Each structure stands twice: as structure tokens, then as C-alpha cells.
Amino acid sequence: MKKSKVFLLGNVILSFPIMLLLTDDVFIYILDAILIIFLLFIGNVYFHGFWKDYFSICNDFDEFLKSQKSEE
């Protein structure tokens, strides 16, 4: 339940810069670019552990399938 709230909050935060792009002010574009870069950096740091766990599970499953084939 906690992760779904984090994802919802992340979607709201990421949609904010897109709404700012609908304005015609150049200063807002510059602030928007800085904000998007910052959010991408935070996202990479936050999700690094998630992707590491995901790929380790995939590798474990591949090893399991190979061991099953070798036994047959």
C-alpha cells in the first residue's frame, strides 16, 4: 500500500512540469527543465534498488529453468 502511494505522488509530481509547459513564458521553461532533470535524478536513485532486485529475480528464474532442462 505504501508503494502505491509513492507511485501516485510521483505521477502527480511528474505531471506538474508538463502542465507548466502549457504556458508561454520562457522563464517557466527554464525552471521546468531544471525541475525535470532533478526529478529524473531522484527517480534513478530511488528506483536503482528496485531494478537491481527485479533483475536478480529474473536471473534466478533463468537459472531455475536451465536446471530443470538439464535434469530432463
PDB file of N, CA and C in Angstrom:
ATOM      1  N   MET A   1       0.833  -1.204   0.000  1.00  0.00           N
ATOM      2  CA  MET A   1       0.000   0.000   0.000  1.00  0.00           C
ATOM      3  C   MET A   1       0.867   1.253   0.000  1.00  0.00           C
ATOM      4  N   LYS A   2       1.992   1.180   0.709  1.00  0.00           N
ATOM      5  CA  LYS A   2       2.858   2.345   0.781  1.00  0.00           C
ATOM      6  C   LYS A   2       3.470   2.662  -0.576  1.00  0.00           C
ATOM      7  N   LYS A   3       3.846   1.600  -1.339  1.00  0.00           N
ATOM      8  CA  LYS A   3       4.451   1.849  -2.643  1.00  0.00           C
ATOM      9  C   LYS A   3       3.464   2.486  -3.608  1.00  0.00           C
ATOM     10  N   SER A   4       2.186   2.095  -3.534  1.00  0.00           N
ATOM     11  CA  SER A   4       1.216   2.681  -4.449  1.00  0.00           C
ATOM     12  C   SER A   4       1.035   4.177  -4.172  1.00  0.00           C
ATOM     13  N   LYS A   5       1.129   4.569  -2.901  1.00  0.00           N
ATOM     14  CA  LYS A   5       1.036   5.990  -2.582  1.00  0.00           C
ATOM     15  C   LYS A   5       2.246   6.737  -3.122  1.00  0.00           C
ATOM     16  N   VAL A   6       3.418   6.108  -3.063  1.00  0.00           N
ATOM     17  CA  VAL A   6       4.630   6.735  -3.602  1.00  0.00           C
ATOM     18  C   VAL A   6       4.508   6.903  -5.109  1.00  0.00           C
ATOM     19  N   PHE A   7       4.001   5.882  -5.803  1.00  0.00           N
ATOM     20  CA  PHE A   7       3.834   5.982  -7.252  1.00  0.00           C
ATOM     21  C   PHE A   7       2.809   7.053  -7.618  1.00  0.00           C
ATOM     22  N   LEU A   8       1.718   7.145  -6.850  1.00  0.00           N
ATOM     23  CA  LEU A   8       0.711   8.167  -7.109  1.00  0.00           C
ATOM     24  C   LEU A   8       1.308   9.556  -6.921  1.00  0.00           C
ATOM     25  N   LEU A   9       2.056   9.737  -5.846  1.00  0.00           N
ATOM     26  CA  LEU A   9       2.706  11.019  -5.599  1.00  0.00           C
ATOM     27  C   LEU A   9       3.713  11.330  -6.700  1.00  0.00           C
ATOM     28  N   GLY A  10       4.437  10.312  -7.146  1.00  0.00           N
ATOM     29  CA  GLY A  10       5.396  10.514  -8.239  1.00  0.00           C
ATOM     30  C   GLY A  10       4.720  10.936  -9.525  1.00  0.00           C
ATOM     31  N   ASN A  11       3.567  10.355  -9.825  1.00  0.00           N
ATOM     32  CA  ASN A  11       2.838  10.728 -11.041  1.00  0.00           C
ATOM     33  C   ASN A  11       2.331  12.158 -10.964  1.00  0.00           C
ATOM     34  N   VAL A  12       1.859  12.561  -9.798  1.00  0.00           N
ATOM     35  CA  VAL A  12       1.388  13.939  -9.640  1.00  0.00           C
ATOM     36  C   VAL A  12       2.543  14.915  -9.796  1.00  0.00           C
ATOM     37  N   ILE A  13       3.684  14.583  -9.187  1.00  0.00           N
ATOM     38  CA  ILE A  13       4.851  15.470  -9.270  1.00  0.00           C
ATOM     39  C   ILE A  13       5.358  15.542 -10.706  1.00  0.00           C
ATOM     40  N   LEU A  14       5.363  14.410 -11.413  1.00  0.00           N
ATOM     41  CA  LEU A  14       5.848  14.415 -12.793  1.00  0.00           C
ATOM     42  C   LEU A  14       4.878  15.094 -13.744  1.00  0.00           C
ATOM     43  N   SER A  15       3.592  15.131 -13.434  1.00  0.00           N
ATOM     44  CA  SER A  15       2.650  15.804 -14.316  1.00  0.00           C
ATOM     45  C   SER A  15       2.702  17.327 -14.142  1.00  0.00           C
ATOM     46  N   PHE A  16       3.226  17.796 -13.015  1.00  0.00           N
ATOM     47  CA  PHE A  16       3.319  19.240 -12.764  1.00  0.00           C
ATOM     48  C   PHE A  16       4.186  19.959 -13.795  1.00  0.00           C
ATOM     49  N   PRO A  17       5.411  19.463 -14.116  1.00  0.00           N
ATOM     50  CA  PRO A  17       6.203  20.150 -15.157  1.00  0.00           C
ATOM     51  C   PRO A  17       5.522  20.154 -16.514  1.00  0.00           C
ATOM     52  N   ILE A  18       4.767  19.097 -16.831  1.00  0.00           N
ATOM     53  CA  ILE A  18       4.077  19.051 -18.125  1.00  0.00           C
ATOM     54  C   ILE A  18       3.000  20.122 -18.188  1.00  0.00           C
ATOM     55  N   MET A  19       2.320  20.361 -17.063  1.00  0.00           N
ATOM     56  CA  MET A  19       1.314  21.427 -17.038  1.00  0.00           C
ATOM     57  C   MET A  19       1.979  22.798 -17.187  1.00  0.00           C
ATOM     58  N   LEU A  20       3.184  22.942 -16.627  1.00  0.00           N
ATOM     59  CA  LEU A  20       3.882  24.220 -16.762  1.00  0.00           C
ATOM     60  C   LEU A  20       4.274  24.503 -18.216  1.00  0.00           C
ATOM     61  N   LEU A  21       4.479  23.455 -18.999  1.00  0.00           N
ATOM     62  CA  LEU A  21       4.864  23.651 -20.399  1.00  0.00           C
ATOM     63  C   LEU A  21       3.741  24.271 -21.229  1.00  0.00           C
ATOM     64  N   LEU A  22       2.538  24.304 -20.707  1.00  0.00           N
ATOM     65  CA  LEU A  22       1.417  24.880 -21.451  1.00  0.00           C
ATOM     66  C   LEU A  22       1.422  26.412 -21.414  1.00  0.00           C
ATOM     67  N   THR A  23       2.307  27.003 -20.628  1.00  0.00           N
ATOM     68  CA  THR A  23       2.393  28.462 -20.577  1.00  0.00           C
ATOM     69  C   THR A  23       3.316  28.971 -21.677  1.00  0.00           C
ATOM     70  N   ASP A  24       3.328  30.283 -21.880  1.00  0.00           N
ATOM     71  CA  ASP A  24       4.139  30.879 -22.939  1.00  0.00           C
ATOM     72  C   ASP A  24       5.375  31.602 -22.417  1.00  0.00           C
ATOM     73  N   ASP A  25       5.659  31.492 -21.126  1.00  0.00           N
ATOM     74  CA  ASP A  25       6.770  32.225 -20.536  1.00  0.00           C
ATOM     75  C   ASP A  25       8.064  31.412 -20.648  1.00  0.00           C
ATOM     76  N   VAL A  26       9.137  32.028 -21.155  1.00  0.00           N
ATOM     77  CA  VAL A  26      10.417  31.344 -21.342  1.00  0.00           C
ATOM     78  C   VAL A  26      11.054  31.023 -19.995  1.00  0.00           C
ATOM     79  N   PHE A  27      10.888  31.887 -19.004  1.00  0.00           N
ATOM     80  CA  PHE A  27      11.445  31.650 -17.681  1.00  0.00           C
ATOM     81  C   PHE A  27      10.872  30.368 -17.069  1.00  0.00           C
ATOM     82  N   ILE A  28       9.580  30.124 -17.308  1.00  0.00           N
ATOM     83  CA  ILE A  28       8.946  28.903 -16.810  1.00  0.00           C
ATOM     84  C   ILE A  28       9.564  27.678 -17.492  1.00  0.00           C
ATOM     85  N   TYR A  29       9.899  27.789 -18.785  1.00  0.00           N
ATOM     86  CA  TYR A  29      10.536  26.671 -19.486  1.00  0.00           C
ATOM     87  C   TYR A  29      11.871  26.313 -18.845  1.00  0.00           C
ATOM     88  N   ILE A  30      12.665  27.327 -18.474  1.00  0.00           N
ATOM     89  CA  ILE A  30      13.972  27.081 -17.862  1.00  0.00           C
ATOM     90  C   ILE A  30      13.796  26.402 -16.499  1.00  0.00           C
ATOM     91  N   LEU A  31      12.892  26.919 -15.685  1.00  0.00           N
ATOM     92  CA  LEU A  31      12.623  26.292 -14.395  1.00  0.00           C
ATOM     93  C   LEU A  31      12.099  24.869 -14.577  1.00  0.00           C
ATOM     94  N   ASP A  32      11.298  24.673 -15.590  1.00  0.00           N
ATOM     95  CA  ASP A  32      10.718  23.372 -15.872  1.00  0.00           C
ATOM     96  C   ASP A  32      11.807  22.368 -16.240  1.00  0.00           C
ATOM     97  N   ALA A  33      12.753  22.774 -17.058  1.00  0.00           N
ATOM     98  CA  ALA A  33      13.846  21.876 -17.444  1.00  0.00           C
ATOM     99  C   ALA A  33      14.675  21.475 -16.223  1.00  0.00           C
ATOM    100  N   ILE A  34      14.958  22.442 -15.359  1.00  0.00           N
ATOM    101  CA  ILE A  34      15.716  22.142 -14.138  1.00  0.00           C
ATOM    102  C   ILE A  34      14.931  21.163 -13.262  1.00  0.00           C
ATOM    103  N   LEU A  35      13.644  21.375 -13.132  1.00  0.00           N
ATOM    104  CA  LEU A  35      12.806  20.508 -12.306  1.00  0.00           C
ATOM    105  C   LEU A  35      12.748  19.090 -12.867  1.00  0.00           C
ATOM    106  N   ILE A  36      12.611  18.954 -14.180  1.00  0.00           N
ATOM    107  CA  ILE A  36      12.545  17.627 -14.793  1.00  0.00           C
ATOM    108  C   ILE A  36      13.862  16.882 -14.597  1.00  0.00           C
ATOM    109  N   ILE A  37      14.996  17.558 -14.781  1.00  0.00           N
ATOM    110  CA  ILE A  37      16.300  16.918 -14.578  1.00  0.00           C
ATOM    111  C   ILE A  37      16.451  16.464 -13.131  1.00  0.00           C
ATOM    112  N   PHE A  38      16.032  17.306 -12.197  1.00  0.00           N
ATOM    113  CA  PHE A  38      16.112  16.959 -10.779  1.00  0.00           C
ATOM    114  C   PHE A  38      15.245  15.741 -10.463  1.00  0.00           C
ATOM    115  N   LEU A  39      14.020  15.716 -11.003  1.00  0.00           N
ATOM    116  CA  LEU A  39      13.127  14.591 -10.740  1.00  0.00           C
ATOM    117  C   LEU A  39      13.659  13.296 -11.360  1.00  0.00           C
ATOM    118  N   LEU A  40      14.275  13.385 -12.532  1.00  0.00           N
ATOM    119  CA  LEU A  40      14.866  12.189 -13.134  1.00  0.00           C
ATOM    120  C   LEU A  40      16.018  11.663 -12.293  1.00  0.00           C
ATOM    121  N   PHE A  41      16.824  12.570 -11.732  1.00  0.00           N
ATOM    122  CA  PHE A  41      17.929  12.158 -10.869  1.00  0.00           C
ATOM    123  C   PHE A  41      17.403  11.451  -9.626  1.00  0.00           C
ATOM    124  N   ILE A  42      16.383  12.033  -8.984  1.00  0.00           N
ATOM    125  CA  ILE A  42      15.796  11.427  -7.788  1.00  0.00           C
ATOM    126  C   ILE A  42      15.182  10.057  -8.143  1.00  0.00           C
ATOM    127  N   GLY A  43      14.525   9.975  -9.298  1.00  0.00           N
ATOM    128  CA  GLY A  43      13.928   8.711  -9.720  1.00  0.00           C
ATOM    129  C   GLY A  43      14.963   7.630  -9.946  1.00  0.00           C
ATOM    130  N   ASN A  44      16.101   7.978 -10.548  1.00  0.00           N
ATOM    131  CA  ASN A  44      17.150   6.991 -10.768  1.00  0.00           C
ATOM    132  C   ASN A  44      17.724   6.490  -9.458  1.00  0.00           C
ATOM    133  N   VAL A  45      17.912   7.388  -8.500  1.00  0.00           N
ATOM    134  CA  VAL A  45      18.446   6.979  -7.204  1.00  0.00           C
ATOM    135  C   VAL A  45      17.433   6.099  -6.469  1.00  0.00           C
ATOM    136  N   TYR A  46      16.155   6.472  -6.517  1.00  0.00           N
ATOM    137  CA  TYR A  46      15.122   5.742  -5.777  1.00  0.00           C
ATOM    138  C   TYR A  46      14.877   4.357  -6.369  1.00  0.00           C
ATOM    139  N   PHE A  47      14.828   4.267  -7.701  1.00  0.00           N
ATOM    140  CA  PHE A  47      14.457   3.006  -8.332  1.00  0.00           C
ATOM    141  C   PHE A  47      15.639   2.091  -8.609  1.00  0.00           C
ATOM    142  N   HIS A  48      16.863   2.522  -8.290  1.00  0.00           N
ATOM    143  CA  HIS A  48      18.037   1.681  -8.558  1.00  0.00           C
ATOM    144  C   HIS A  48      17.924   0.356  -7.812  1.00  0.00           C
ATOM    145  N   GLY A  49      17.540   0.417  -6.538  1.00  0.00           N
ATOM    146  CA  GLY A  49      17.388  -0.807  -5.758  1.00  0.00           C
ATOM    147  C   GLY A  49      16.284  -1.699  -6.307  1.00  0.00           C
ATOM    148  N   PHE A  50      15.208  -1.080  -6.794  1.00  0.00           N
ATOM    149  CA  PHE A  50      14.089  -1.849  -7.361  1.00  0.00           C
ATOM    150  C   PHE A  50      14.540  -2.632  -8.579  1.00  0.00           C
ATOM    151  N   TRP A  51      15.242  -1.963  -9.520  1.00  0.00           N
ATOM    152  CA  TRP A  51      15.670  -2.655 -10.732  1.00  0.00           C
ATOM    153  C   TRP A  51      16.698  -3.729 -10.415  1.00  0.00           C
ATOM    154  N   LYS A  52      17.548  -3.485  -9.435  1.00  0.00           N
ATOM    155  CA  LYS A  52      18.550  -4.482  -9.046  1.00  0.00           C
ATOM    156  C   LYS A  52      17.857  -5.752  -8.546  1.00  0.00           C
ATOM    157  N   ASP A  53      16.838  -5.588  -7.691  1.00  0.00           N
ATOM    158  CA  ASP A  53      16.087  -6.747  -7.190  1.00  0.00           C
ATOM    159  C   ASP A  53      15.337  -7.439  -8.315  1.00  0.00           C
ATOM    160  N   TYR A  54      14.752  -6.661  -9.223  1.00  0.00           N
ATOM    161  CA  TYR A  54      13.973  -7.232 -10.322  1.00  0.00           C
ATOM    162  C   TYR A  54      14.844  -8.115 -11.214  1.00  0.00           C
ATOM    163  N   PHE A  55      16.023  -7.615 -11.592  1.00  0.00           N
ATOM    164  CA  PHE A  55      16.885  -8.382 -12.477  1.00  0.00           C
ATOM    165  C   PHE A  55      17.497  -9.580 -11.771  1.00  0.00           C
ATOM    166  N   SER A  56      17.728  -9.488 -10.460  1.00  0.00           N
ATOM    167  CA  SER A  56      18.256 -10.649  -9.747  1.00  0.00           C
ATOM    168  C   SER A  56      17.197 -11.752  -9.691  1.00  0.00           C
ATOM    169  N   ILE A  57      15.924 -11.380  -9.546  1.00  0.00           N
ATOM    170  CA  ILE A  57      14.852 -12.379  -9.562  1.00  0.00           C
ATOM    171  C   ILE A  57      14.757 -13.032 -10.941  1.00  0.00           C
ATOM    172  N   CYS A  58      14.885 -12.225 -11.997  1.00  0.00           N
ATOM    173  CA  CYS A  58      14.841 -12.773 -13.359  1.00  0.00           C
ATOM    174  C   CYS A  58      15.993 -13.737 -13.593  1.00  0.00           C
ATOM    175  N   ASN A  59      17.181 -13.387 -13.118  1.00  0.00           N
ATOM    176  CA  ASN A  59      18.333 -14.271 -13.290  1.00  0.00           C
ATOM    177  C   ASN A  59      18.159 -15.562 -12.509  1.00  0.00           C
ATOM    178  N   ASP A  60      17.619 -15.480 -11.306  1.00  0.00           N
ATOM    179  CA  ASP A  60      17.358 -16.690 -10.521  1.00  0.00           C
ATOM    180  C   ASP A  60      16.361 -17.605 -11.227  1.00  0.00           C
ATOM    181  N   PHE A  61      15.344 -17.009 -11.845  1.00  0.00           N
ATOM    182  CA  PHE A  61      14.347 -17.803 -12.560  1.00  0.00           C
ATOM    183  C   PHE A  61      14.970 -18.469 -13.783  1.00  0.00           C
ATOM    184  N   ASP A  62      15.843 -17.747 -14.486  1.00  0.00           N
ATOM    185  CA  ASP A  62      16.531 -18.345 -15.637  1.00  0.00           C
ATOM    186  C   ASP A  62      17.398 -19.523 -15.206  1.00  0.00           C
ATOM    187  N   GLU A  63      18.095 -19.376 -14.087  1.00  0.00           N
ATOM    188  CA  GLU A  63      18.908 -20.478 -13.564  1.00  0.00           C
ATOM    189  C   GLU A  63      18.021 -21.682 -13.227  1.00  0.00           C
ATOM    190  N   PHE A  64      16.866 -21.419 -12.655  1.00  0.00           N
ATOM    191  CA  PHE A  64      15.933 -22.496 -12.309  1.00  0.00           C
ATOM    192  C   PHE A  64      15.470 -23.235 -13.567  1.00  0.00           C
ATOM    193  N   LEU A  65      15.129 -22.468 -14.616  1.00  0.00           N
ATOM    194  CA  LEU A  65      14.686 -23.105 -15.857  1.00  0.00           C
ATOM    195  C   LEU A  65      15.795 -23.931 -16.488  1.00  0.00           C
ATOM    196  N   LYS A  66      17.015 -23.424 -16.456  1.00  0.00           N
ATOM    197  CA  LYS A  66      18.147 -24.189 -17.015  1.00  0.00           C
ATOM    198  C   LYS A  66      18.379 -25.471 -16.234  1.00  0.00           C
ATOM    199  N   SER A  67      18.244 -25.406 -14.918  1.00  0.00           N
ATOM    200  CA  SER A  67      18.445 -26.613 -14.108  1.00  0.00           C
ATOM    201  C   SER A  67      17.336 -27.630 -14.374  1.00  0.00           C
ATOM    202  N   GLN A  68      16.118 -27.169 -14.624  1.00  0.00           N
ATOM    203  CA  GLN A  68      15.020 -28.079 -14.943  1.00  0.00           C
ATOM    204  C   GLN A  68      15.245 -28.782 -16.277  1.00  0.00           C
ATOM    205  N   LYS A  69      15.761 -28.030 -17.268  1.00  0.00           N
ATOM    206  CA  LYS A  69      16.023 -28.625 -18.581  1.00  0.00           C
ATOM    207  C   LYS A  69      17.158 -29.628 -18.512  1.00  0.00           C
ATOM    208  N   SER A  70      18.165 -29.337 -17.722  1.00  0.00           N
ATOM    209  CA  SER A  70      19.307 -30.241 -17.638  1.00  0.00           C
ATOM    210  C   SER A  70      18.942 -31.549 -16.921  1.00  0.00           C
ATOM    211  N   GLU A  71      17.965 -31.514 -16.038  1.00  0.00           N
ATOM    212  CA  GLU A  71      17.539 -32.727 -15.339  1.00  0.00           C
ATOM    213  C   GLU A  71      16.743 -33.658 -16.237  1.00  0.00           C
ATOM    214  N   GLU A  72      16.088 -33.124 -17.262  1.00  0.00           N
ATOM    215  CA  GLU A  72      15.253 -33.961 -18.148  1.00  0.00           C
ATOM    216  C   GLU A  72      16.030 -34.757 -19.132  1.00  0.00           C
TER     217      GLU A  72
END
